[in-house]
PDB file of N, CA and C in Angstrom:
ATOM      1  N   UNK A   1       0.831  -1.170   0.000  1.00  0.00           N
ATOM      2  CA  UNK A   1       0.000   0.000   0.000  1.00  0.00           C
ATOM      3  C   UNK A   1       0.883   1.243   0.000  1.00  0.00           C
ATOM      4  N   UNK A   2       1.995   1.191  -0.656  1.00  0.00           N
ATOM      5  CA  UNK A   2       2.881   2.335  -0.732  1.00  0.00           C
ATOM      6  C   UNK A   2       2.233   3.448  -1.525  1.00  0.00           C
ATOM      7  N   UNK A   3       2.447   4.657  -1.093  1.00  0.00           N
ATOM      8  CA  UNK A   3       1.949   5.792  -1.844  1.00  0.00           C
ATOM      9  C   UNK A   3       0.716   6.440  -1.263  1.00  0.00           C
ATOM     10  N   UNK A   4      -0.054   5.734  -0.466  1.00  0.00           N
ATOM     11  CA  UNK A   4      -1.229   6.325   0.160  1.00  0.00           C
ATOM     12  C   UNK A   4      -0.987   6.357   1.648  1.00  0.00           C
ATOM     13  N   UNK A   5      -1.005   7.539   2.207  1.00  0.00           N
ATOM     14  CA  UNK A   5      -0.888   7.673   3.641  1.00  0.00           C
ATOM     15  C   UNK A   5      -2.278   7.505   4.218  1.00  0.00           C
ATOM     16  N   UNK A   6      -2.451   6.496   5.023  1.00  0.00           N
ATOM     17  CA  UNK A   6      -3.759   6.194   5.594  1.00  0.00           C
ATOM     18  C   UNK A   6      -3.701   6.464   7.078  1.00  0.00           C
ATOM     19  N   UNK A   7      -4.431   7.466   7.508  1.00  0.00           N
ATOM     20  CA  UNK A   7      -4.472   7.803   8.922  1.00  0.00           C
ATOM     21  C   UNK A   7      -5.742   7.205   9.503  1.00  0.00           C
ATOM     22  N   UNK A   8      -5.610   6.048  10.116  1.00  0.00           N
ATOM     23  CA  UNK A   8      -6.801   5.367  10.603  1.00  0.00           C
ATOM     24  C   UNK A   8      -7.005   5.554  12.096  1.00  0.00           C
ATOM     25  N   UNK A   9      -6.171   6.364  12.733  1.00  0.00           N
ATOM     26  CA  UNK A   9      -6.299   6.518  14.167  1.00  0.00           C
ATOM     27  C   UNK A   9      -7.026   7.795  14.559  1.00  0.00           C
ATOM     28  N   UNK A  10      -7.670   8.448  13.610  1.00  0.00           N
ATOM     29  CA  UNK A  10      -8.423   9.650  13.930  1.00  0.00           C
ATOM     30  C   UNK A  10      -9.685   9.237  14.673  1.00  0.00           C
ATOM     31  N   UNK A  11      -9.822   9.718  15.875  1.00  0.00           N
ATOM     32  CA  UNK A  11     -11.005   9.388  16.670  1.00  0.00           C
ATOM     33  C   UNK A  11     -11.608  10.674  17.198  1.00  0.00           C
ATOM     34  N   UNK A  12     -12.135  11.461  16.328  1.00  0.00           N
ATOM     35  CA  UNK A  12     -12.762  12.709  16.721  1.00  0.00           C
ATOM     36  C   UNK A  12     -14.268  12.518  16.788  1.00  0.00           C
ATOM     37  N   UNK A  13     -14.936  13.514  17.285  1.00  0.00           N
ATOM     38  CA  UNK A  13     -16.388  13.471  17.361  1.00  0.00           C
ATOM     39  C   UNK A  13     -16.975  14.089  16.099  1.00  0.00           C
ATOM     40  N   UNK A  14     -16.649  13.490  14.971  1.00  0.00           N
ATOM     41  CA  UNK A  14     -17.091  13.975  13.681  1.00  0.00           C
ATOM     42  C   UNK A  14     -18.360  13.239  13.270  1.00  0.00           C
ATOM     43  N   UNK A  15     -19.319  13.968  12.750  1.00  0.00           N
ATOM     44  CA  UNK A  15     -20.511  13.349  12.200  1.00  0.00           C
ATOM     45  C   UNK A  15     -20.264  13.083  10.721  1.00  0.00           C
ATOM     46  N   UNK A  16     -20.307  11.831  10.353  1.00  0.00           N
ATOM     47  CA  UNK A  16     -20.086  11.444   8.969  1.00  0.00           C
ATOM     48  C   UNK A  16     -21.410  11.533   8.228  1.00  0.00           C
ATOM     49  N   UNK A  17     -21.397  12.268   7.123  1.00  0.00           N
ATOM     50  CA  UNK A  17     -22.600  12.433   6.316  1.00  0.00           C
ATOM     51  C   UNK A  17     -22.582  11.367   5.230  1.00  0.00           C
ATOM     52  N   UNK A  18     -23.456  10.389   5.360  1.00  0.00           N
ATOM     53  CA  UNK A  18     -23.566   9.329   4.363  1.00  0.00           C
ATOM     54  C   UNK A  18     -24.957   9.385   3.748  1.00  0.00           C
ATOM     55  N   UNK A  19     -25.131   8.650   2.695  1.00  0.00           N
ATOM     56  CA  UNK A  19     -26.443   8.623   2.062  1.00  0.00           C
ATOM     57  C   UNK A  19     -27.362   7.676   2.822  1.00  0.00           C
ATOM     58  N   UNK A  20     -28.646   7.738   2.497  1.00  0.00           N
ATOM     59  CA  UNK A  20     -29.620   6.887   3.176  1.00  0.00           C
ATOM     60  C   UNK A  20     -29.522   5.433   2.723  1.00  0.00           C
ATOM     61  N   UNK A  21     -28.851   5.206   1.606  1.00  0.00           N
ATOM     62  CA  UNK A  21     -28.675   3.832   1.128  1.00  0.00           C
ATOM     63  C   UNK A  21     -27.244   3.380   1.405  1.00  0.00           C
ATOM     64  N   UNK A  22     -27.005   2.096   1.482  1.00  0.00           N
ATOM     65  CA  UNK A  22     -25.655   1.586   1.742  1.00  0.00           C
ATOM     66  C   UNK A  22     -24.673   2.011   0.638  1.00  0.00           C
ATOM     67  N   UNK A  23     -23.454   2.262   1.025  1.00  0.00           N
ATOM     68  CA  UNK A  23     -22.391   2.598   0.073  1.00  0.00           C
ATOM     69  C   UNK A  23     -21.904   1.292  -0.529  1.00  0.00           C
ATOM     70  N   UNK A  24     -22.057   1.151  -1.858  1.00  0.00           N
ATOM     71  CA  UNK A  24     -21.739  -0.115  -2.501  1.00  0.00           C
ATOM     72  C   UNK A  24     -20.670  -0.018  -3.578  1.00  0.00           C
ATOM     73  N   UNK A  25     -20.220   1.191  -3.895  1.00  0.00           N
ATOM     74  CA  UNK A  25     -19.224   1.322  -4.951  1.00  0.00           C
ATOM     75  C   UNK A  25     -18.106   2.262  -4.495  1.00  0.00           C
ATOM     76  N   UNK A  26     -16.978   2.154  -5.176  1.00  0.00           N
ATOM     77  CA  UNK A  26     -15.840   3.027  -4.882  1.00  0.00           C
ATOM     78  C   UNK A  26     -16.235   4.478  -5.160  1.00  0.00           C
ATOM     79  N   UNK A  27     -17.001   4.703  -6.211  1.00  0.00           N
ATOM     80  CA  UNK A  27     -17.436   6.066  -6.541  1.00  0.00           C
ATOM     81  C   UNK A  27     -18.280   6.655  -5.412  1.00  0.00           C
ATOM     82  N   UNK A  28     -19.236   5.892  -4.909  1.00  0.00           N
ATOM     83  CA  UNK A  28     -20.069   6.366  -3.793  1.00  0.00           C
ATOM     84  C   UNK A  28     -19.208   6.617  -2.553  1.00  0.00           C
ATOM     85  N   UNK A  29     -18.269   5.727  -2.298  1.00  0.00           N
ATOM     86  CA  UNK A  29     -17.368   5.882  -1.150  1.00  0.00           C
ATOM     87  C   UNK A  29     -16.545   7.160  -1.304  1.00  0.00           C
ATOM     88  N   UNK A  30     -16.021   7.382  -2.500  1.00  0.00           N
ATOM     89  CA  UNK A  30     -15.220   8.585  -2.737  1.00  0.00           C
ATOM     90  C   UNK A  30     -16.050   9.850  -2.499  1.00  0.00           C
ATOM     91  N   UNK A  31     -17.288   9.846  -2.951  1.00  0.00           N
ATOM     92  CA  UNK A  31     -18.160  11.004  -2.741  1.00  0.00           C
ATOM     93  C   UNK A  31     -18.350  11.291  -1.257  1.00  0.00           C
ATOM     94  N   UNK A  32     -18.536  10.247  -0.449  1.00  0.00           N
ATOM     95  CA  UNK A  32     -18.703  10.418   0.993  1.00  0.00           C
ATOM     96  C   UNK A  32     -17.399  10.915   1.626  1.00  0.00           C
ATOM     97  N   UNK A  33     -16.286  10.345   1.212  1.00  0.00           N
ATOM     98  CA  UNK A  33     -14.980  10.750   1.763  1.00  0.00           C
ATOM     99  C   UNK A  33     -14.723  12.222   1.456  1.00  0.00           C
ATOM    100  N   UNK A  34     -14.962  12.633   0.222  1.00  0.00           N
ATOM    101  CA  UNK A  34     -14.717  14.035  -0.167  1.00  0.00           C
ATOM    102  C   UNK A  34     -15.697  14.971   0.540  1.00  0.00           C
ATOM    103  N   UNK A  35     -16.972  14.614   0.540  1.00  0.00           N
ATOM    104  CA  UNK A  35     -18.003  15.460   1.161  1.00  0.00           C
ATOM    105  C   UNK A  35     -17.719  15.710   2.644  1.00  0.00           C
ATOM    106  N   UNK A  36     -17.108  14.735   3.305  1.00  0.00           N
ATOM    107  CA  UNK A  36     -16.815  14.857   4.731  1.00  0.00           C
ATOM    108  C   UNK A  36     -15.412  15.392   5.013  1.00  0.00           C
ATOM    109  N   UNK A  37     -14.678  15.717   3.980  1.00  0.00           N
ATOM    110  CA  UNK A  37     -13.350  16.299   4.175  1.00  0.00           C
ATOM    111  C   UNK A  37     -12.308  15.316   4.686  1.00  0.00           C
ATOM    112  N   UNK A  38     -12.464  14.040   4.329  1.00  0.00           N
ATOM    113  CA  UNK A  38     -11.537  13.014   4.802  1.00  0.00           C
ATOM    114  C   UNK A  38     -10.344  12.794   3.882  1.00  0.00           C
ATOM    115  N   UNK A  39     -10.140  13.680   2.912  1.00  0.00           N
ATOM    116  CA  UNK A  39      -8.953  13.597   2.066  1.00  0.00           C
ATOM    117  C   UNK A  39      -8.259  14.953   2.062  1.00  0.00           C
ATOM    118  N   UNK A  40      -6.955  14.894   1.968  1.00  0.00           N
ATOM    119  CA  UNK A  40      -6.142  16.094   1.814  1.00  0.00           C
ATOM    120  C   UNK A  40      -5.056  15.775   0.806  1.00  0.00           C
ATOM    121  N   UNK A  41      -4.358  16.792   0.375  1.00  0.00           N
ATOM    122  CA  UNK A  41      -3.196  16.601  -0.484  1.00  0.00           C
ATOM    123  C   UNK A  41      -1.956  16.928   0.326  1.00  0.00           C
ATOM    124  N   UNK A  42      -0.926  16.096   0.178  1.00  0.00           N
ATOM    125  CA  UNK A  42       0.324  16.389   0.858  1.00  0.00           C
ATOM    126  C   UNK A  42       1.156  17.361   0.017  1.00  0.00           C
ATOM    127  N   UNK A  43       2.352  17.675   0.476  1.00  0.00           N
ATOM    128  CA  UNK A  43       3.209  18.657  -0.197  1.00  0.00           C
ATOM    129  C   UNK A  43       3.586  18.232  -1.616  1.00  0.00           C
ATOM    130  N   UNK A  44       3.562  16.934  -1.901  1.00  0.00           N
ATOM    131  CA  UNK A  44       3.895  16.430  -3.233  1.00  0.00           C
ATOM    132  C   UNK A  44       2.657  16.285  -4.116  1.00  0.00           C
ATOM    133  N   UNK A  45       1.502  16.708  -3.620  1.00  0.00           N
ATOM    134  CA  UNK A  45       0.273  16.622  -4.399  1.00  0.00           C
ATOM    135  C   UNK A  45      -0.385  15.263  -4.374  1.00  0.00           C
ATOM    136  N   UNK A  46       0.019  14.425  -3.420  1.00  0.00           N
ATOM    137  CA  UNK A  46      -0.557  13.089  -3.325  1.00  0.00           C
ATOM    138  C   UNK A  46      -1.726  13.072  -2.348  1.00  0.00           C
ATOM    139  N   UNK A  47      -2.668  12.189  -2.625  1.00  0.00           N
ATOM    140  CA  UNK A  47      -3.884  12.077  -1.831  1.00  0.00           C
ATOM    141  C   UNK A  47      -3.580  11.377  -0.510  1.00  0.00           C
ATOM    142  N   UNK A  48      -4.056  11.984   0.565  1.00  0.00           N
ATOM    143  CA  UNK A  48      -3.945  11.403   1.898  1.00  0.00           C
ATOM    144  C   UNK A  48      -5.367  11.126   2.369  1.00  0.00           C
ATOM    145  N   UNK A  49      -5.630   9.904   2.783  1.00  0.00           N
ATOM    146  CA  UNK A  49      -6.955   9.499   3.255  1.00  0.00           C
ATOM    147  C   UNK A  49      -6.939   9.540   4.777  1.00  0.00           C
ATOM    148  N   UNK A  50      -7.857  10.317   5.340  1.00  0.00           N
ATOM    149  CA  UNK A  50      -7.886  10.536   6.786  1.00  0.00           C
ATOM    150  C   UNK A  50      -9.097   9.890   7.449  1.00  0.00           C
ATOM    151  N   UNK A  51      -9.372   8.663   7.103  1.00  0.00           N
ATOM    152  CA  UNK A  51     -10.510   7.953   7.690  1.00  0.00           C
ATOM    153  C   UNK A  51     -10.275   6.457   7.557  1.00  0.00           C
ATOM    154  N   UNK A  52     -11.251   5.674   7.956  1.00  0.00           N
ATOM    155  CA  UNK A  52     -11.150   4.215   7.834  1.00  0.00           C
ATOM    156  C   UNK A  52     -12.531   3.634   7.550  1.00  0.00           C
ATOM    157  N   UNK A  53     -12.566   2.363   7.235  1.00  0.00           N
ATOM    158  CA  UNK A  53     -13.818   1.700   6.862  1.00  0.00           C
ATOM    159  C   UNK A  53     -14.841   1.759   7.988  1.00  0.00           C
ATOM    160  N   UNK A  54     -14.394   1.537   9.198  1.00  0.00           N
ATOM    161  CA  UNK A  54     -15.317   1.512  10.334  1.00  0.00           C
ATOM    162  C   UNK A  54     -15.966   2.876  10.558  1.00  0.00           C
ATOM    163  N   UNK A  55     -15.176   3.939  10.453  1.00  0.00           N
ATOM    164  CA  UNK A  55     -15.698   5.282  10.680  1.00  0.00           C
ATOM    165  C   UNK A  55     -16.786   5.648   9.667  1.00  0.00           C
ATOM    166  N   UNK A  56     -16.626   5.193   8.438  1.00  0.00           N
ATOM    167  CA  UNK A  56     -17.601   5.499   7.392  1.00  0.00           C
ATOM    168  C   UNK A  56     -18.721   4.467   7.355  1.00  0.00           C
ATOM    169  N   UNK A  57     -18.449   3.272   7.838  1.00  0.00           N
ATOM    170  CA  UNK A  57     -19.467   2.231   7.860  1.00  0.00           C
ATOM    171  C   UNK A  57     -19.544   1.416   6.584  1.00  0.00           C
ATOM    172  N   UNK A  58     -18.370   1.147   5.990  1.00  0.00           N
ATOM    173  CA  UNK A  58     -18.320   0.314   4.784  1.00  0.00           C
ATOM    174  C   UNK A  58     -17.489  -0.926   5.069  1.00  0.00           C
ATOM    175  N   UNK A  59     -17.562  -1.875   4.165  1.00  0.00           N
ATOM    176  CA  UNK A  59     -16.790  -3.102   4.337  1.00  0.00           C
ATOM    177  C   UNK A  59     -15.301  -2.811   4.179  1.00  0.00           C
ATOM    178  N   UNK A  60     -14.502  -3.618   4.835  1.00  0.00           N
ATOM    179  CA  UNK A  60     -13.057  -3.499   4.703  1.00  0.00           C
ATOM    180  C   UNK A  60     -12.598  -3.729   3.280  1.00  0.00           C
ATOM    181  N   UNK A  61     -13.286  -4.623   2.568  1.00  0.00           N
ATOM    182  CA  UNK A  61     -12.916  -4.925   1.186  1.00  0.00           C
ATOM    183  C   UNK A  61     -13.143  -3.721   0.270  1.00  0.00           C
ATOM    184  N   UNK A  62     -14.292  -3.061   0.421  1.00  0.00           N
ATOM    185  CA  UNK A  62     -14.582  -1.887  -0.400  1.00  0.00           C
ATOM    186  C   UNK A  62     -13.587  -0.766  -0.074  1.00  0.00           C
ATOM    187  N   UNK A  63     -13.299  -0.578   1.200  1.00  0.00           N
ATOM    188  CA  UNK A  63     -12.365   0.472   1.588  1.00  0.00           C
ATOM    189  C   UNK A  63     -10.966   0.182   1.053  1.00  0.00           C
ATOM    190  N   UNK A  64     -10.561  -1.056   1.093  1.00  0.00           N
ATOM    191  CA  UNK A  64      -9.244  -1.439   0.556  1.00  0.00           C
ATOM    192  C   UNK A  64      -9.182  -1.189  -0.944  1.00  0.00           C
ATOM    193  N   UNK A  65     -10.268  -1.480  -1.650  1.00  0.00           N
ATOM    194  CA  UNK A  65     -10.321  -1.201  -3.086  1.00  0.00           C
ATOM    195  C   UNK A  65     -10.175   0.301  -3.325  1.00  0.00           C
ATOM    196  N   UNK A  66     -10.836   1.107  -2.501  1.00  0.00           N
ATOM    197  CA  UNK A  66     -10.743   2.561  -2.618  1.00  0.00           C
ATOM    198  C   UNK A  66      -9.303   3.031  -2.381  1.00  0.00           C
ATOM    199  N   UNK A  67      -8.678   2.508  -1.346  1.00  0.00           N
ATOM    200  CA  UNK A  67      -7.287   2.870  -1.049  1.00  0.00           C
ATOM    201  C   UNK A  67      -6.382   2.483  -2.218  1.00  0.00           C
ATOM    202  N   UNK A  68      -6.597   1.316  -2.790  1.00  0.00           N
ATOM    203  CA  UNK A  68      -5.792   0.891  -3.942  1.00  0.00           C
ATOM    204  C   UNK A  68      -6.001   1.814  -5.142  1.00  0.00           C
ATOM    205  N   UNK A  69      -7.243   2.234  -5.369  1.00  0.00           N
ATOM    206  CA  UNK A  69      -7.514   3.171  -6.463  1.00  0.00           C
ATOM    207  C   UNK A  69      -6.802   4.502  -6.233  1.00  0.00           C
ATOM    208  N   UNK A  70      -6.834   4.991  -5.006  1.00  0.00           N
ATOM    209  CA  UNK A  70      -6.161   6.249  -4.692  1.00  0.00           C
ATOM    210  C   UNK A  70      -4.639   6.087  -4.801  1.00  0.00           C
ATOM    211  N   UNK A  71      -4.141   4.901  -4.490  1.00  0.00           N
ATOM    212  CA  UNK A  71      -2.708   4.634  -4.659  1.00  0.00           C
ATOM    213  C   UNK A  71      -2.325   4.708  -6.132  1.00  0.00           C
ATOM    214  N   UNK A  72      -3.209   4.224  -7.003  1.00  0.00           N
ATOM    215  CA  UNK A  72      -2.953   4.310  -8.443  1.00  0.00           C
ATOM    216  C   UNK A  72      -2.894   5.763  -8.901  1.00  0.00           C
ATOM    217  N   UNK A  73      -3.784   6.583  -8.379  1.00  0.00           N
ATOM    218  CA  UNK A  73      -3.758   8.008  -8.701  1.00  0.00           C
ATOM    219  C   UNK A  73      -2.450   8.617  -8.198  1.00  0.00           C
ATOM    220  N   UNK A  74      -2.072   8.282  -6.981  1.00  0.00           N
ATOM    221  CA  UNK A  74      -0.822   8.818  -6.420  1.00  0.00           C
ATOM    222  C   UNK A  74       0.385   8.370  -7.231  1.00  0.00           C
ATOM    223  N   UNK A  75       0.358   7.154  -7.751  1.00  0.00           N
ATOM    224  CA  UNK A  75       1.451   6.692  -8.604  1.00  0.00           C
ATOM    225  C   UNK A  75       1.544   7.584  -9.836  1.00  0.00           C
ATOM    226  N   UNK A  76       0.408   7.898 -10.425  1.00  0.00           N
ATOM    227  CA  UNK A  76       0.392   8.791 -11.574  1.00  0.00           C
ATOM    228  C   UNK A  76       0.965  10.164 -11.247  1.00  0.00           C
ATOM    229  N   UNK A  77       0.653  10.657 -10.048  1.00  0.00           N
ATOM    230  CA  UNK A  77       1.195  11.949  -9.623  1.00  0.00           C
ATOM    231  C   UNK A  77       2.715  11.849  -9.468  1.00  0.00           C
ATOM    232  N   UNK A  78       3.180  10.777  -8.821  1.00  0.00           N
ATOM    233  CA  UNK A  78       4.630  10.603  -8.592  1.00  0.00           C
ATOM    234  C   UNK A  78       5.412  10.482  -9.890  1.00  0.00           C
ATOM    235  N   UNK A  79       4.833   9.816 -10.869  1.00  0.00           N
ATOM    236  CA  UNK A  79       5.557   9.566 -12.106  1.00  0.00           C
ATOM    237  C   UNK A  79       5.333  10.644 -13.163  1.00  0.00           C
ATOM    238  N   UNK A  80       4.509  11.636 -12.842  1.00  0.00           N
ATOM    239  CA  UNK A  80       4.285  12.737 -13.767  1.00  0.00           C
ATOM    240  C   UNK A  80       3.164  12.506 -14.757  1.00  0.00           C
ATOM    241  N   UNK A  81       2.473  11.384 -14.638  1.00  0.00           N
ATOM    242  CA  UNK A  81       1.372  11.096 -15.563  1.00  0.00           C
ATOM    243  C   UNK A  81       0.117  11.885 -15.243  1.00  0.00           C
ATOM    244  N   UNK A  82      -0.007  12.336 -13.996  1.00  0.00           N
ATOM    245  CA  UNK A  82      -1.154  13.143 -13.560  1.00  0.00           C
ATOM    246  C   UNK A  82      -0.588  14.377 -12.880  1.00  0.00           C
ATOM    247  N   UNK A  83      -1.106  15.521 -13.267  1.00  0.00           N
ATOM    248  CA  UNK A  83      -0.650  16.771 -12.646  1.00  0.00           C
ATOM    249  C   UNK A  83      -1.805  17.530 -12.088  1.00  0.00           C
TER     250      UNK A  83
END
C-alpha cells in the first residue's frame, strides 16, 4: 500500500454524512470521503486518506479497493502522468 498515507487513528467526534442507502461502490465511497473532508493533499500533491472503513461504515474490502484506487492516482502523480 505504498503511496497512500492512511491515517486510521483519527477518533474525533465527527458526524459522517452518508447517504440513506448503503455505500456499494468506490465512486459512492469517494463522494462520501470528499463530502466529509476526509482527504487532503500532501506537499507532493498526493492524496492522503484521513478515515477508515469503520468510521464510514463500509466493508473493509470496499475500503481497501478505494485505497488501492487512490494509490494508483498517487502513482500517476509521482511519475508525472497526472498533474
